[in-house]
């Protein structure tokens, strides 16, 4: 029987994750969540380009970007790089309470 891979919470401190983030859901690491203002967003795709976890993608059917919160770690790079400040980082607990 093949052993099951450990989850990220079972990795020892200073341990290294052996899987690419596209195969390993890391969204529960997040404290802050990016939220996009659709009115401000120009769809320049800089957030998509800069996202280190491939958590932002272009949906050609909708003609718009999408966030995949299963992989978003909440690093804030997308919000920092957005030239029109259309992305803000929101404390995840506050959003759940609303």
C-alpha atoms as a PDB file:
ATOM      1  CA  UNK A   1       0.000   0.000   0.000  1.00  0.00           C
ATOM      2  CA  UNK A   2       1.376   3.382  -1.047  1.00  0.00           C
ATOM      3  CA  UNK A   3       1.669   5.847   1.887  1.00  0.00           C
ATOM      4  CA  UNK A   4      -0.501   8.971   1.688  1.00  0.00           C
ATOM      5  CA  UNK A   5       1.390  12.274   1.405  1.00  0.00           C
ATOM      6  CA  UNK A   6       1.342  14.417   4.515  1.00  0.00           C
ATOM      7  CA  UNK A   7      -0.700  17.602   4.590  1.00  0.00           C
ATOM      8  CA  UNK A   8       1.105  20.922   5.038  1.00  0.00           C
ATOM      9  CA  UNK A   9       0.179  21.029   8.739  1.00  0.00           C
ATOM     10  CA  UNK A  10       2.085  17.773   9.268  1.00  0.00           C
ATOM     11  CA  UNK A  11       5.327  19.058   7.742  1.00  0.00           C
ATOM     12  CA  UNK A  12       7.860  19.841  10.495  1.00  0.00           C
ATOM     13  CA  UNK A  13       8.936  23.435  11.120  1.00  0.00           C
ATOM     14  CA  UNK A  14      11.433  24.503   8.433  1.00  0.00           C
ATOM     15  CA  UNK A  15      10.346  21.526   6.353  1.00  0.00           C
ATOM     16  CA  UNK A  16      10.102  21.838   2.595  1.00  0.00           C
ATOM     17  CA  UNK A  17       6.952  21.149   0.635  1.00  0.00           C
ATOM     18  CA  UNK A  18       7.810  18.651  -2.091  1.00  0.00           C
ATOM     19  CA  UNK A  19       4.898  19.396  -4.404  1.00  0.00           C
ATOM     20  CA  UNK A  20       4.276  22.338  -6.739  1.00  0.00           C
ATOM     21  CA  UNK A  21       1.511  24.647  -5.559  1.00  0.00           C
ATOM     22  CA  UNK A  22      -0.640  23.741  -8.572  1.00  0.00           C
ATOM     23  CA  UNK A  23      -1.027  20.230  -7.135  1.00  0.00           C
ATOM     24  CA  UNK A  24      -1.122  21.147  -3.450  1.00  0.00           C
ATOM     25  CA  UNK A  25      -3.920  23.356  -2.180  1.00  0.00           C
ATOM     26  CA  UNK A  26      -2.442  26.054   0.047  1.00  0.00           C
ATOM     27  CA  UNK A  27      -5.392  28.411   0.428  1.00  0.00           C
ATOM     28  CA  UNK A  28      -5.822  27.606   4.103  1.00  0.00           C
ATOM     29  CA  UNK A  29      -2.457  29.287   4.830  1.00  0.00           C
ATOM     30  CA  UNK A  30      -4.098  32.626   4.122  1.00  0.00           C
ATOM     31  CA  UNK A  31      -4.862  35.326   6.704  1.00  0.00           C
ATOM     32  CA  UNK A  32      -5.667  38.087   4.206  1.00  0.00           C
ATOM     33  CA  UNK A  33      -7.700  37.538   1.060  1.00  0.00           C
ATOM     34  CA  UNK A  34      -7.522  39.601  -2.152  1.00  0.00           C
ATOM     35  CA  UNK A  35     -10.829  41.154  -3.148  1.00  0.00           C
ATOM     36  CA  UNK A  36     -11.198  42.829  -6.540  1.00  0.00           C
ATOM     37  CA  UNK A  37     -13.250  45.943  -7.221  1.00  0.00           C
ATOM     38  CA  UNK A  38     -14.860  45.115 -10.570  1.00  0.00           C
ATOM     39  CA  UNK A  39     -15.540  48.795 -11.299  1.00  0.00           C
ATOM     40  CA  UNK A  40     -11.870  49.798 -10.926  1.00  0.00           C
ATOM     41  CA  UNK A  41     -10.347  46.730 -12.587  1.00  0.00           C
ATOM     42  CA  UNK A  42      -9.076  47.350 -16.132  1.00  0.00           C
ATOM     43  CA  UNK A  43      -8.267  43.646 -16.748  1.00  0.00           C
ATOM     44  CA  UNK A  44      -4.626  44.505 -17.452  1.00  0.00           C
ATOM     45  CA  UNK A  45      -3.670  41.003 -16.188  1.00  0.00           C
ATOM     46  CA  UNK A  46      -0.704  42.209 -14.120  1.00  0.00           C
ATOM     47  CA  UNK A  47      -2.174  40.363 -11.123  1.00  0.00           C
ATOM     48  CA  UNK A  48      -2.205  37.183 -13.208  1.00  0.00           C
ATOM     49  CA  UNK A  49       1.390  37.698 -14.304  1.00  0.00           C
ATOM     50  CA  UNK A  50       2.725  38.417 -10.814  1.00  0.00           C
ATOM     51  CA  UNK A  51       0.797  35.760  -8.858  1.00  0.00           C
ATOM     52  CA  UNK A  52       3.438  33.266  -7.626  1.00  0.00           C
ATOM     53  CA  UNK A  53       0.878  30.514  -7.000  1.00  0.00           C
ATOM     54  CA  UNK A  54      -1.117  30.529 -10.241  1.00  0.00           C
ATOM     55  CA  UNK A  55      -4.162  31.424  -8.147  1.00  0.00           C
ATOM     56  CA  UNK A  56      -5.359  33.989 -10.705  1.00  0.00           C
ATOM     57  CA  UNK A  57      -6.407  32.895 -14.157  1.00  0.00           C
ATOM     58  CA  UNK A  58      -8.046  34.311 -17.248  1.00  0.00           C
ATOM     59  CA  UNK A  59     -11.448  32.862 -18.121  1.00  0.00           C
ATOM     60  CA  UNK A  60     -11.939  33.426 -21.877  1.00  0.00           C
ATOM     61  CA  UNK A  61     -15.625  32.479 -21.716  1.00  0.00           C
ATOM     62  CA  UNK A  62     -16.322  35.285 -19.238  1.00  0.00           C
ATOM     63  CA  UNK A  63     -13.666  37.633 -20.605  1.00  0.00           C
ATOM     64  CA  UNK A  64     -12.491  38.187 -17.052  1.00  0.00           C
ATOM     65  CA  UNK A  65     -10.011  37.049 -14.431  1.00  0.00           C
ATOM     66  CA  UNK A  66     -10.841  34.670 -11.607  1.00  0.00           C
ATOM     67  CA  UNK A  67      -9.246  34.075  -8.233  1.00  0.00           C
ATOM     68  CA  UNK A  68      -8.858  30.468  -7.103  1.00  0.00           C
ATOM     69  CA  UNK A  69      -8.863  30.789  -3.322  1.00  0.00           C
ATOM     70  CA  UNK A  70      -7.938  27.101  -2.959  1.00  0.00           C
ATOM     71  CA  UNK A  71      -4.400  28.096  -3.972  1.00  0.00           C
ATOM     72  CA  UNK A  72      -4.169  31.757  -2.933  1.00  0.00           C
ATOM     73  CA  UNK A  73      -1.880  32.156   0.095  1.00  0.00           C
ATOM     74  CA  UNK A  74      -2.807  35.808   0.592  1.00  0.00           C
ATOM     75  CA  UNK A  75       0.658  37.186  -0.133  1.00  0.00           C
ATOM     76  CA  UNK A  76      -0.747  40.477  -1.464  1.00  0.00           C
ATOM     77  CA  UNK A  77       1.524  40.705  -4.502  1.00  0.00           C
ATOM     78  CA  UNK A  78      -1.503  41.101  -6.771  1.00  0.00           C
ATOM     79  CA  UNK A  79      -2.785  44.037  -4.705  1.00  0.00           C
ATOM     80  CA  UNK A  80       0.659  45.611  -4.582  1.00  0.00           C
ATOM     81  CA  UNK A  81       1.169  45.370  -8.345  1.00  0.00           C
ATOM     82  CA  UNK A  82      -2.312  46.489  -9.408  1.00  0.00           C
ATOM     83  CA  UNK A  83      -1.806  49.855 -11.146  1.00  0.00           C
ATOM     84  CA  UNK A  84      -5.357  51.071 -10.406  1.00  0.00           C
ATOM     85  CA  UNK A  85      -5.672  49.784  -6.807  1.00  0.00           C
ATOM     86  CA  UNK A  86      -8.544  47.494  -7.785  1.00  0.00           C
ATOM     87  CA  UNK A  87      -7.413  44.745  -5.404  1.00  0.00           C
ATOM     88  CA  UNK A  88      -7.478  45.148  -1.645  1.00  0.00           C
ATOM     89  CA  UNK A  89      -6.398  42.660   0.982  1.00  0.00           C
ATOM     90  CA  UNK A  90      -9.194  41.913   3.435  1.00  0.00           C
ATOM     91  CA  UNK A  91      -8.747  40.115   6.743  1.00  0.00           C
ATOM     92  CA  UNK A  92     -10.367  36.748   6.055  1.00  0.00           C
ATOM     93  CA  UNK A  93     -12.316  36.644   9.362  1.00  0.00           C
ATOM     94  CA  UNK A  94     -13.951  40.024   8.663  1.00  0.00           C
ATOM     95  CA  UNK A  95     -15.246  38.805   5.309  1.00  0.00           C
ATOM     96  CA  UNK A  96     -16.730  35.635   6.854  1.00  0.00           C
ATOM     97  CA  UNK A  97     -18.547  37.711   9.482  1.00  0.00           C
ATOM     98  CA  UNK A  98     -20.229  39.980   6.893  1.00  0.00           C
END
